[in-house]
Each structure stands twice: as C-alpha cells, then as structure tokens.
Amino acid sequence: MGDSAAVDNSSLGPLARGPQWLEAALALMQMPATVTAEHDAIAGADSYWLTIDHTQLSPEQIEGLVGNGGVGLDALQHLANTGLNAHLAKDEQHGYVIELDGHRARQRETLGAIAQEALDQVRSTGEAYKASSGLSAAERKHLHSLLEPHADVTTHSEGVGADRHLVVSPVVASPDPGE
C-alpha cells in the first residue's frame, strides 16, 4: 500500500484528486474507506466537500478521526489542503472540506447560528460582537464568508493563538463630503 501515497495524481481534476488523496491517506492509517466528492455549494466553485463513508469504519475509528471537538478532522483537512495544493499555482488551488459522520454539517449549522446571532446583535445594538475565542481558524474563516454578503457589517479577527476570536462590527457610514 505504500506506493498508493506516491501516486502522481496531478493530472486529475480536483474532483477526482481529493478523494484519491484522502483514500490513500486513510489506507495508510489502516482505516480504508471510500470517499466521495462534490462541489461545496456554500464555500464556492473552487471548493469541494469530501465525504468519508463512515459505514466502513468502526465507532472507535470515527471517534479517532474526528478527535476531540473535531481537531483530528481539522488536522486531516489541513493536511489534505496543503498536500493537494502544494505544487499548484495560486489560481489552480482548491479548498477541501472533509466530512465524516455528519460532523461538518452539524458544525456548519452551529456556525450559521453564531453568524445570525452576531448579525442580530450588531444590528440591534450598533456595537461590535466578539465571537468565542474557542473557534478554530477554519471556523473563523467560515464565519467571515457567511457574513461577507452583509454590507452593513464587517469582520476581522483579533488576538493571538487560543485567544484569537472573530469580531463583527457595524459598518460606519462615512460622512458625505458634500455636507
């Protein structure tokens, strides 16, 4: 099985390259499973959702891959994105989200609720909203993208390391220069 990780898949498109890479990685971890891919409609045209068939894994394997609060899945996803994009030009790179046993779908629901709470609070109070500092970089990035379409708010991250958090602020209208 050692040769499968060394297979050159650079000629494949991103929709085929992602599952091939992830299946090879899972096999190396002694957790062979089928992976399906589809465009990630939420994240955009250059992003793909890689779903690991959880029915091929034991509950212990699923728990180990997801990790405490999703840190294992986040790490695997980081490796996938780094490995799959390592030798590609910036405009040829794609984002991959790894789903296992509904974890990412539940996570997206939670992040959607946080985004809505932030919008509601900022709009009702006119003051900045600071999200929990327990969010991962990927979760903060997803919140930025969820809030980006809302022209009345702006987002940025503050803090360092484990204390880094997302801030949602109202857009302050600049005074009309003609006044």
N, C-alpha and C. Protein backbone atom coordinates (compact mmCIF):
# COMPACT_ATOMS: atom_id res chain seq x y z
N MET A 1 0.81 -1.19 0.00
CA MET A 1 0.00 0.00 0.00
C MET A 1 0.85 1.25 0.00
N GLY A 2 2.12 1.15 0.34
CA GLY A 2 3.00 2.30 0.40
C GLY A 2 3.08 3.05 -0.91
N ASP A 3 2.92 2.35 -2.07
CA ASP A 3 3.01 3.01 -3.36
C ASP A 3 1.82 3.91 -3.65
N SER A 4 0.66 3.64 -3.05
CA SER A 4 -0.53 4.43 -3.38
C SER A 4 -0.40 5.88 -2.94
N ALA A 5 0.33 6.15 -1.89
CA ALA A 5 0.50 7.53 -1.43
C ALA A 5 1.43 8.29 -2.38
N ALA A 6 2.27 7.56 -3.12
CA ALA A 6 3.22 8.20 -4.01
C ALA A 6 2.67 8.35 -5.43
N VAL A 7 1.42 7.95 -5.67
CA VAL A 7 0.83 8.04 -6.99
C VAL A 7 0.74 9.50 -7.40
N ASP A 8 1.16 9.80 -8.64
CA ASP A 8 1.06 11.17 -9.15
C ASP A 8 -0.37 11.40 -9.63
N ASN A 9 -1.09 12.22 -8.90
CA ASN A 9 -2.46 12.49 -9.30
C ASN A 9 -2.62 13.92 -9.81
N SER A 10 -1.52 14.57 -10.15
CA SER A 10 -1.57 15.97 -10.57
C SER A 10 -2.33 16.17 -11.88
N SER A 11 -2.44 15.12 -12.72
CA SER A 11 -3.16 15.27 -13.97
C SER A 11 -4.67 15.14 -13.78
N LEU A 12 -5.10 14.70 -12.61
CA LEU A 12 -6.52 14.58 -12.33
C LEU A 12 -7.12 15.93 -11.97
N GLY A 13 -8.40 16.08 -12.20
CA GLY A 13 -9.08 17.29 -11.78
C GLY A 13 -9.29 17.26 -10.28
N PRO A 14 -9.63 18.40 -9.69
CA PRO A 14 -9.77 18.48 -8.23
C PRO A 14 -10.87 17.58 -7.68
N LEU A 15 -11.89 17.32 -8.46
CA LEU A 15 -12.99 16.47 -8.00
C LEU A 15 -12.55 15.01 -7.87
N ALA A 16 -11.57 14.59 -8.64
CA ALA A 16 -11.04 13.23 -8.55
C ALA A 16 -9.80 13.17 -7.66
N ARG A 17 -9.02 14.24 -7.68
CA ARG A 17 -7.76 14.28 -6.92
C ARG A 17 -8.00 14.21 -5.41
N GLY A 18 -9.02 14.92 -4.91
CA GLY A 18 -9.32 14.94 -3.48
C GLY A 18 -9.63 13.57 -2.91
N PRO A 19 -10.61 12.85 -3.48
CA PRO A 19 -10.92 11.52 -2.95
C PRO A 19 -9.75 10.55 -3.05
N GLN A 20 -9.00 10.61 -4.15
CA GLN A 20 -7.87 9.70 -4.31
C GLN A 20 -6.85 9.94 -3.20
N TRP A 21 -6.53 11.20 -2.93
CA TRP A 21 -5.57 11.53 -1.88
C TRP A 21 -6.07 11.06 -0.53
N LEU A 22 -7.33 11.36 -0.21
CA LEU A 22 -7.88 11.03 1.10
C LEU A 22 -8.01 9.52 1.30
N GLU A 23 -8.41 8.79 0.27
CA GLU A 23 -8.48 7.32 0.39
C GLU A 23 -7.10 6.74 0.65
N ALA A 24 -6.08 7.27 -0.03
CA ALA A 24 -4.71 6.79 0.19
C ALA A 24 -4.26 7.10 1.63
N ALA A 25 -4.58 8.29 2.13
CA ALA A 25 -4.20 8.67 3.49
C ALA A 25 -4.90 7.77 4.51
N LEU A 26 -6.18 7.52 4.31
CA LEU A 26 -6.93 6.65 5.22
C LEU A 26 -6.37 5.23 5.21
N ALA A 27 -6.01 4.74 4.03
CA ALA A 27 -5.43 3.40 3.93
C ALA A 27 -4.11 3.32 4.70
N LEU A 28 -3.31 4.38 4.63
CA LEU A 28 -2.05 4.40 5.37
C LEU A 28 -2.28 4.39 6.88
N MET A 29 -3.43 4.90 7.30
CA MET A 29 -3.78 4.91 8.72
C MET A 29 -4.52 3.63 9.13
N GLN A 30 -4.54 2.65 8.24
CA GLN A 30 -5.23 1.39 8.49
C GLN A 30 -6.74 1.59 8.69
N MET A 31 -7.30 2.55 7.96
CA MET A 31 -8.73 2.84 8.01
C MET A 31 -9.28 2.99 6.60
N PRO A 32 -9.16 1.94 5.78
CA PRO A 32 -9.62 2.08 4.39
C PRO A 32 -11.13 2.38 4.34
N ALA A 33 -11.46 3.39 3.55
CA ALA A 33 -12.85 3.78 3.37
C ALA A 33 -12.99 4.50 2.04
N THR A 34 -14.16 4.43 1.49
CA THR A 34 -14.47 5.12 0.24
C THR A 34 -14.75 6.59 0.53
N VAL A 35 -14.31 7.44 -0.37
CA VAL A 35 -14.52 8.88 -0.24
C VAL A 35 -15.24 9.37 -1.50
N THR A 36 -16.30 10.13 -1.32
CA THR A 36 -16.99 10.75 -2.44
C THR A 36 -16.73 12.25 -2.41
N ALA A 37 -16.85 12.87 -3.57
CA ALA A 37 -16.59 14.32 -3.67
C ALA A 37 -17.72 15.00 -4.41
N GLU A 38 -17.98 16.23 -3.99
CA GLU A 38 -18.95 17.07 -4.69
C GLU A 38 -18.54 18.52 -4.49
N HIS A 39 -19.02 19.39 -5.37
CA HIS A 39 -18.76 20.81 -5.19
C HIS A 39 -19.40 21.26 -3.88
N ASP A 40 -18.71 22.13 -3.18
CA ASP A 40 -19.22 22.69 -1.92
C ASP A 40 -19.98 23.96 -2.26
N ALA A 41 -21.29 23.85 -2.36
CA ALA A 41 -22.14 24.97 -2.78
C ALA A 41 -22.03 26.16 -1.84
N ILE A 42 -21.76 25.92 -0.58
CA ILE A 42 -21.68 27.01 0.38
C ILE A 42 -20.37 27.78 0.25
N ALA A 43 -19.27 27.07 0.10
CA ALA A 43 -17.95 27.72 0.07
C ALA A 43 -17.59 28.28 -1.30
N GLY A 44 -18.20 27.79 -2.37
CA GLY A 44 -17.93 28.36 -3.68
C GLY A 44 -17.43 27.35 -4.70
N ALA A 45 -17.26 27.84 -5.91
CA ALA A 45 -16.93 26.99 -7.05
C ALA A 45 -15.58 26.29 -6.94
N ASP A 46 -14.64 26.88 -6.21
CA ASP A 46 -13.31 26.28 -6.10
C ASP A 46 -13.15 25.42 -4.86
N SER A 47 -14.26 25.02 -4.26
CA SER A 47 -14.22 24.23 -3.03
C SER A 47 -14.98 22.92 -3.21
N TYR A 48 -14.48 21.91 -2.52
CA TYR A 48 -15.06 20.58 -2.63
C TYR A 48 -15.30 19.97 -1.27
N TRP A 49 -16.35 19.21 -1.16
CA TRP A 49 -16.77 18.52 0.05
C TRP A 49 -16.37 17.06 -0.15
N LEU A 50 -15.45 16.54 0.66
CA LEU A 50 -15.01 15.15 0.59
C LEU A 50 -15.67 14.40 1.74
N THR A 51 -16.52 13.43 1.42
CA THR A 51 -17.25 12.70 2.45
C THR A 51 -16.69 11.29 2.58
N ILE A 52 -16.23 10.98 3.78
CA ILE A 52 -15.72 9.64 4.09
C ILE A 52 -16.92 8.76 4.43
N ASP A 53 -17.00 7.57 3.81
CA ASP A 53 -18.10 6.64 4.11
C ASP A 53 -17.89 6.07 5.51
N HIS A 54 -18.63 6.61 6.47
CA HIS A 54 -18.48 6.20 7.87
C HIS A 54 -18.93 4.78 8.13
N THR A 55 -19.73 4.20 7.23
CA THR A 55 -20.21 2.83 7.44
C THR A 55 -19.09 1.81 7.29
N GLN A 56 -17.97 2.23 6.73
CA GLN A 56 -16.82 1.34 6.56
C GLN A 56 -15.84 1.42 7.73
N LEU A 57 -16.17 2.23 8.73
CA LEU A 57 -15.28 2.43 9.87
C LEU A 57 -15.98 2.05 11.17
N SER A 58 -15.21 1.65 12.15
CA SER A 58 -15.76 1.34 13.46
C SER A 58 -16.04 2.64 14.21
N PRO A 59 -16.89 2.61 15.25
CA PRO A 59 -17.12 3.82 16.05
C PRO A 59 -15.81 4.38 16.64
N GLU A 60 -14.89 3.49 17.01
CA GLU A 60 -13.61 3.93 17.57
C GLU A 60 -12.78 4.66 16.51
N GLN A 61 -12.81 4.15 15.27
CA GLN A 61 -12.07 4.80 14.19
C GLN A 61 -12.66 6.18 13.88
N ILE A 62 -13.98 6.26 13.86
CA ILE A 62 -14.65 7.54 13.62
C ILE A 62 -14.27 8.53 14.71
N GLU A 63 -14.36 8.09 15.94
CA GLU A 63 -14.01 8.96 17.08
C GLU A 63 -12.56 9.42 16.98
N GLY A 64 -11.67 8.51 16.59
CA GLY A 64 -10.25 8.87 16.45
C GLY A 64 -10.01 9.86 15.33
N LEU A 65 -10.70 9.69 14.21
CA LEU A 65 -10.53 10.61 13.09
C LEU A 65 -11.10 11.99 13.39
N VAL A 66 -12.27 12.02 14.00
CA VAL A 66 -12.88 13.32 14.32
C VAL A 66 -12.08 14.00 15.41
N GLY A 67 -11.71 13.26 16.44
CA GLY A 67 -10.93 13.84 17.54
C GLY A 67 -11.79 14.69 18.45
N ASN A 68 -11.21 15.18 19.49
CA ASN A 68 -11.91 15.98 20.49
C ASN A 68 -12.38 17.29 19.87
N GLY A 69 -13.67 17.44 19.72
CA GLY A 69 -14.22 18.68 19.16
C GLY A 69 -13.91 18.88 17.69
N GLY A 70 -13.44 17.86 17.00
CA GLY A 70 -13.15 17.98 15.58
C GLY A 70 -11.71 18.29 15.24
N VAL A 71 -10.82 18.32 16.24
CA VAL A 71 -9.42 18.69 15.97
C VAL A 71 -8.73 17.67 15.05
N GLY A 72 -9.09 16.41 15.16
CA GLY A 72 -8.50 15.40 14.28
C GLY A 72 -8.92 15.61 12.84
N LEU A 73 -10.19 15.87 12.64
CA LEU A 73 -10.70 16.13 11.30
C LEU A 73 -10.12 17.43 10.74
N ASP A 74 -9.97 18.45 11.59
CA ASP A 74 -9.34 19.70 11.17
C ASP A 74 -7.90 19.46 10.72
N ALA A 75 -7.17 18.64 11.46
CA ALA A 75 -5.78 18.35 11.11
C ALA A 75 -5.70 17.59 9.78
N LEU A 76 -6.56 16.60 9.60
CA LEU A 76 -6.59 15.83 8.36
C LEU A 76 -6.96 16.75 7.19
N GLN A 77 -7.91 17.63 7.42
CA GLN A 77 -8.33 18.58 6.38
C GLN A 77 -7.19 19.52 6.02
N HIS A 78 -6.45 19.99 7.03
CA HIS A 78 -5.30 20.87 6.77
C HIS A 78 -4.25 20.14 5.93
N LEU A 79 -3.97 18.88 6.29
CA LEU A 79 -3.01 18.09 5.50
C LEU A 79 -3.49 17.90 4.07
N ALA A 80 -4.78 17.63 3.91
CA ALA A 80 -5.34 17.44 2.56
C ALA A 80 -5.18 18.71 1.73
N ASN A 81 -5.56 19.84 2.30
CA ASN A 81 -5.46 21.09 1.56
C ASN A 81 -4.02 21.46 1.24
N THR A 82 -3.13 21.24 2.18
CA THR A 82 -1.72 21.53 1.95
C THR A 82 -1.14 20.59 0.89
N GLY A 83 -1.38 19.30 1.05
CA GLY A 83 -0.84 18.32 0.11
C GLY A 83 -1.41 18.43 -1.29
N LEU A 84 -2.71 18.64 -1.38
CA LEU A 84 -3.36 18.70 -2.69
C LEU A 84 -3.06 19.99 -3.45
N ASN A 85 -2.65 21.03 -2.76
CA ASN A 85 -2.38 22.31 -3.41
C ASN A 85 -0.91 22.68 -3.45
N ALA A 86 -0.04 21.83 -2.90
CA ALA A 86 1.37 22.16 -2.72
C ALA A 86 2.08 22.63 -3.98
N HIS A 87 1.85 21.98 -5.09
CA HIS A 87 2.61 22.30 -6.30
C HIS A 87 1.75 22.98 -7.36
N LEU A 88 0.66 23.59 -6.93
CA LEU A 88 -0.22 24.26 -7.88
C LEU A 88 -0.08 25.77 -7.77
N ALA A 89 -0.26 26.43 -8.88
CA ALA A 89 -0.28 27.89 -8.87
C ALA A 89 -1.50 28.35 -8.07
N LYS A 90 -1.41 29.53 -7.50
CA LYS A 90 -2.48 30.05 -6.64
C LYS A 90 -3.85 29.97 -7.32
N ASP A 91 -3.94 30.30 -8.60
CA ASP A 91 -5.23 30.30 -9.30
C ASP A 91 -5.71 28.89 -9.65
N GLU A 92 -4.90 27.87 -9.40
CA GLU A 92 -5.28 26.49 -9.66
C GLU A 92 -5.61 25.73 -8.36
N GLN A 93 -5.45 26.40 -7.21
CA GLN A 93 -5.68 25.74 -5.93
C GLN A 93 -7.17 25.66 -5.61
N HIS A 94 -7.52 24.63 -4.84
CA HIS A 94 -8.91 24.39 -4.46
C HIS A 94 -8.98 24.12 -2.96
N GLY A 95 -10.12 24.42 -2.38
CA GLY A 95 -10.33 24.14 -0.97
C GLY A 95 -11.09 22.84 -0.79
N TYR A 96 -10.73 22.08 0.23
CA TYR A 96 -11.39 20.81 0.53
C TYR A 96 -11.89 20.81 1.96
N VAL A 97 -13.13 20.40 2.13
CA VAL A 97 -13.72 20.22 3.46
C VAL A 97 -13.94 18.72 3.61
N ILE A 98 -13.46 18.16 4.71
CA ILE A 98 -13.61 16.72 4.93
C ILE A 98 -14.76 16.49 5.90
N GLU A 99 -15.74 15.71 5.44
CA GLU A 99 -16.93 15.39 6.23
C GLU A 99 -16.86 13.93 6.67
N LEU A 100 -17.23 13.70 7.92
CA LEU A 100 -17.29 12.34 8.46
C LEU A 100 -18.43 12.25 9.45
N ASP A 101 -19.36 11.37 9.16
CA ASP A 101 -20.47 11.05 10.07
C ASP A 101 -21.27 12.28 10.49
N GLY A 102 -21.44 13.24 9.56
CA GLY A 102 -22.26 14.42 9.83
C GLY A 102 -21.60 15.50 10.65
N HIS A 103 -20.32 15.34 11.01
CA HIS A 103 -19.66 16.32 11.87
C HIS A 103 -19.65 17.72 11.26
N ARG A 104 -19.21 17.84 10.00
CA ARG A 104 -19.12 19.16 9.37
C ARG A 104 -20.51 19.77 9.16
N ALA A 105 -21.49 18.97 8.82
CA ALA A 105 -22.85 19.50 8.64
C ALA A 105 -23.36 20.10 9.95
N ARG A 106 -23.15 19.40 11.06
CA ARG A 106 -23.56 19.93 12.37
C ARG A 106 -22.77 21.18 12.71
N GLN A 107 -21.49 21.17 12.39
CA GLN A 107 -20.63 22.32 12.65
C GLN A 107 -21.12 23.53 11.86
N ARG A 108 -21.49 23.32 10.60
CA ARG A 108 -21.97 24.43 9.77
C ARG A 108 -23.28 25.00 10.33
N GLU A 109 -24.14 24.14 10.85
CA GLU A 109 -25.39 24.61 11.47
C GLU A 109 -25.07 25.51 12.66
N THR A 110 -24.15 25.07 13.49
CA THR A 110 -23.74 25.85 14.66
C THR A 110 -23.15 27.19 14.24
N LEU A 111 -22.27 27.18 13.23
CA LEU A 111 -21.65 28.42 12.76
C LEU A 111 -22.69 29.35 12.13
N GLY A 112 -23.67 28.78 11.46
CA GLY A 112 -24.75 29.60 10.90
C GLY A 112 -25.52 30.31 12.01
N ALA A 113 -25.75 29.60 13.12
CA ALA A 113 -26.45 30.19 14.26
C ALA A 113 -25.62 31.30 14.90
N ILE A 114 -24.30 31.10 14.99
CA ILE A 114 -23.41 32.12 15.54
C ILE A 114 -23.43 33.35 14.64
N ALA A 115 -23.37 33.14 13.32
CA ALA A 115 -23.40 34.27 12.38
C ALA A 115 -24.69 35.06 12.51
N GLN A 116 -25.82 34.35 12.64
CA GLN A 116 -27.10 35.02 12.77
C GLN A 116 -27.18 35.79 14.09
N GLU A 117 -26.68 35.18 15.17
CA GLU A 117 -26.65 35.85 16.47
C GLU A 117 -25.82 37.13 16.40
N ALA A 118 -24.67 37.05 15.73
CA ALA A 118 -23.80 38.22 15.58
C ALA A 118 -24.50 39.32 14.79
N LEU A 119 -25.12 38.95 13.67
CA LEU A 119 -25.85 39.93 12.86
C LEU A 119 -26.95 40.60 13.67
N ASP A 120 -27.75 39.79 14.36
CA ASP A 120 -28.86 40.32 15.14
C ASP A 120 -28.37 41.29 16.22
N GLN A 121 -27.30 40.90 16.91
CA GLN A 121 -26.79 41.75 18.00
C GLN A 121 -26.20 43.05 17.46
N VAL A 122 -25.40 42.96 16.41
CA VAL A 122 -24.78 44.16 15.85
C VAL A 122 -25.85 45.11 15.32
N ARG A 123 -26.85 44.56 14.64
CA ARG A 123 -27.90 45.40 14.08
C ARG A 123 -28.78 46.02 15.16
N SER A 124 -29.02 45.31 16.24
CA SER A 124 -29.90 45.85 17.28
C SER A 124 -29.18 46.81 18.22
N THR A 125 -27.89 46.59 18.46
CA THR A 125 -27.17 47.43 19.42
C THR A 125 -26.26 48.46 18.76
N GLY A 126 -25.85 48.19 17.52
CA GLY A 126 -24.90 49.08 16.87
C GLY A 126 -23.48 48.92 17.39
N GLU A 127 -23.28 47.88 18.22
CA GLU A 127 -21.96 47.64 18.81
C GLU A 127 -21.36 46.35 18.25
N ALA A 128 -20.04 46.26 18.35
CA ALA A 128 -19.32 45.08 17.86
C ALA A 128 -19.69 43.84 18.67
N TYR A 129 -19.64 42.69 17.99
CA TYR A 129 -19.91 41.38 18.59
C TYR A 129 -18.60 40.61 18.56
N LYS A 130 -18.21 40.06 19.70
CA LYS A 130 -17.00 39.23 19.75
C LYS A 130 -17.41 37.77 19.92
N ALA A 131 -17.06 36.96 18.94
CA ALA A 131 -17.37 35.53 18.99
C ALA A 131 -16.41 34.83 19.94
N SER A 132 -16.78 33.66 20.36
CA SER A 132 -15.98 32.86 21.27
C SER A 132 -14.55 32.70 20.75
N SER A 133 -13.59 32.72 21.67
CA SER A 133 -12.19 32.51 21.27
C SER A 133 -11.89 31.03 21.07
N GLY A 134 -12.86 30.16 21.28
CA GLY A 134 -12.65 28.72 21.10
C GLY A 134 -12.83 28.26 19.67
N LEU A 135 -13.02 29.17 18.73
CA LEU A 135 -13.22 28.78 17.33
C LEU A 135 -11.88 28.53 16.65
N SER A 136 -11.84 27.51 15.81
CA SER A 136 -10.61 27.22 15.05
C SER A 136 -10.48 28.23 13.92
N ALA A 137 -9.31 28.26 13.29
CA ALA A 137 -9.07 29.16 12.16
C ALA A 137 -10.06 28.86 11.03
N ALA A 138 -10.32 27.59 10.79
CA ALA A 138 -11.27 27.21 9.73
C ALA A 138 -12.68 27.69 10.08
N GLU A 139 -13.06 27.60 11.34
CA GLU A 139 -14.39 28.06 11.76
C GLU A 139 -14.50 29.58 11.63
N ARG A 140 -13.46 30.30 12.02
CA ARG A 140 -13.47 31.76 11.86
C ARG A 140 -13.55 32.14 10.39
N LYS A 141 -12.80 31.44 9.56
CA LYS A 141 -12.83 31.71 8.12
C LYS A 141 -14.23 31.48 7.57
N HIS A 142 -14.87 30.42 8.01
CA HIS A 142 -16.23 30.13 7.54
C HIS A 142 -17.19 31.23 7.99
N LEU A 143 -17.05 31.70 9.22
CA LEU A 143 -17.90 32.80 9.70
C LEU A 143 -17.66 34.07 8.88
N HIS A 144 -16.40 34.36 8.56
CA HIS A 144 -16.12 35.52 7.70
C HIS A 144 -16.90 35.39 6.39
N SER A 145 -16.86 34.20 5.77
CA SER A 145 -17.53 34.01 4.48
C SER A 145 -19.05 34.07 4.62
N LEU A 146 -19.60 33.60 5.75
CA LEU A 146 -21.05 33.68 5.95
C LEU A 146 -21.51 35.13 6.11
N LEU A 147 -20.68 35.95 6.71
CA LEU A 147 -21.06 37.33 6.99
C LEU A 147 -20.68 38.31 5.88
N GLU A 148 -19.81 37.90 4.98
CA GLU A 148 -19.33 38.75 3.89
C GLU A 148 -20.45 39.36 3.04
N PRO A 149 -21.50 38.63 2.71
CA PRO A 149 -22.56 39.22 1.87
C PRO A 149 -23.36 40.34 2.54
N HIS A 150 -23.23 40.50 3.82
CA HIS A 150 -23.99 41.51 4.56
C HIS A 150 -23.22 42.83 4.58
N ALA A 151 -23.68 43.77 3.76
CA ALA A 151 -22.96 45.03 3.58
C ALA A 151 -22.97 45.92 4.82
N ASP A 152 -23.86 45.64 5.77
CA ASP A 152 -23.95 46.51 6.95
C ASP A 152 -23.02 46.08 8.09
N VAL A 153 -22.26 45.00 7.88
CA VAL A 153 -21.30 44.57 8.90
C VAL A 153 -19.96 44.27 8.24
N THR A 154 -18.92 44.31 9.06
CA THR A 154 -17.58 43.95 8.62
C THR A 154 -16.99 43.00 9.67
N THR A 155 -16.07 42.14 9.25
CA THR A 155 -15.49 41.17 10.18
C THR A 155 -13.98 41.24 10.13
N HIS A 156 -13.38 40.89 11.25
CA HIS A 156 -11.93 40.71 11.32
C HIS A 156 -11.64 39.83 12.55
N SER A 157 -10.44 39.31 12.61
CA SER A 157 -10.03 38.50 13.76
C SER A 157 -9.05 39.29 14.61
N GLU A 158 -9.14 39.09 15.91
CA GLU A 158 -8.25 39.74 16.88
C GLU A 158 -7.68 38.68 17.80
N GLY A 159 -6.57 39.01 18.43
CA GLY A 159 -5.97 38.12 19.41
C GLY A 159 -4.92 37.21 18.79
N VAL A 160 -4.33 36.40 19.66
CA VAL A 160 -3.24 35.52 19.25
C VAL A 160 -3.50 34.12 19.78
N GLY A 161 -3.17 33.12 18.99
CA GLY A 161 -3.26 31.72 19.42
C GLY A 161 -4.66 31.34 19.85
N ALA A 162 -4.74 30.69 21.02
CA ALA A 162 -6.02 30.20 21.53
C ALA A 162 -6.97 31.35 21.89
N ASP A 163 -6.44 32.56 22.04
CA ASP A 163 -7.28 33.72 22.37
C ASP A 163 -7.77 34.47 21.13
N ARG A 164 -7.46 33.95 19.94
CA ARG A 164 -7.90 34.62 18.71
C ARG A 164 -9.41 34.43 18.57
N HIS A 165 -10.09 35.51 18.20
CA HIS A 165 -11.55 35.45 18.06
C HIS A 165 -12.00 36.36 16.92
N LEU A 166 -13.21 36.11 16.46
CA LEU A 166 -13.81 36.87 15.38
C LEU A 166 -14.57 38.06 15.95
N VAL A 167 -14.44 39.20 15.31
CA VAL A 167 -15.18 40.40 15.70
C VAL A 167 -16.05 40.83 14.52
N VAL A 168 -17.32 41.04 14.80
CA VAL A 168 -18.26 41.52 13.80
C VAL A 168 -18.66 42.94 14.21
N SER A 169 -18.44 43.89 13.33
CA SER A 169 -18.71 45.29 13.65
C SER A 169 -19.67 45.90 12.64
N PRO A 170 -20.43 46.89 13.10
CA PRO A 170 -21.30 47.59 12.13
C PRO A 170 -20.44 48.43 11.19
N VAL A 171 -20.88 48.54 9.96
CA VAL A 171 -20.20 49.42 9.01
C VAL A 171 -20.65 50.83 9.34
N VAL A 172 -19.68 51.67 9.58
CA VAL A 172 -19.98 53.06 9.91
C VAL A 172 -20.00 53.86 8.62
N ALA A 173 -21.12 54.49 8.36
CA ALA A 173 -21.24 55.29 7.15
C ALA A 173 -20.32 56.49 7.24
N SER A 174 -19.56 56.71 6.19
CA SER A 174 -18.67 57.86 6.18
C SER A 174 -19.49 59.10 5.86
N PRO A 175 -19.11 60.22 6.45
CA PRO A 175 -19.88 61.44 6.20
C PRO A 175 -19.80 61.84 4.72
N ASP A 176 -20.89 62.38 4.23
CA ASP A 176 -20.95 62.83 2.83
C ASP A 176 -20.03 64.03 2.69
N PRO A 177 -19.03 63.96 1.79
CA PRO A 177 -18.07 65.06 1.65
C PRO A 177 -18.74 66.36 1.18
N GLY A 178 -19.94 66.28 0.63
CA GLY A 178 -20.63 67.46 0.16
C GLY A 178 -21.35 68.22 1.26
N GLU A 179 -21.36 67.66 2.48
CA GLU A 179 -22.07 68.33 3.58
C GLU A 179 -21.19 69.25 4.35
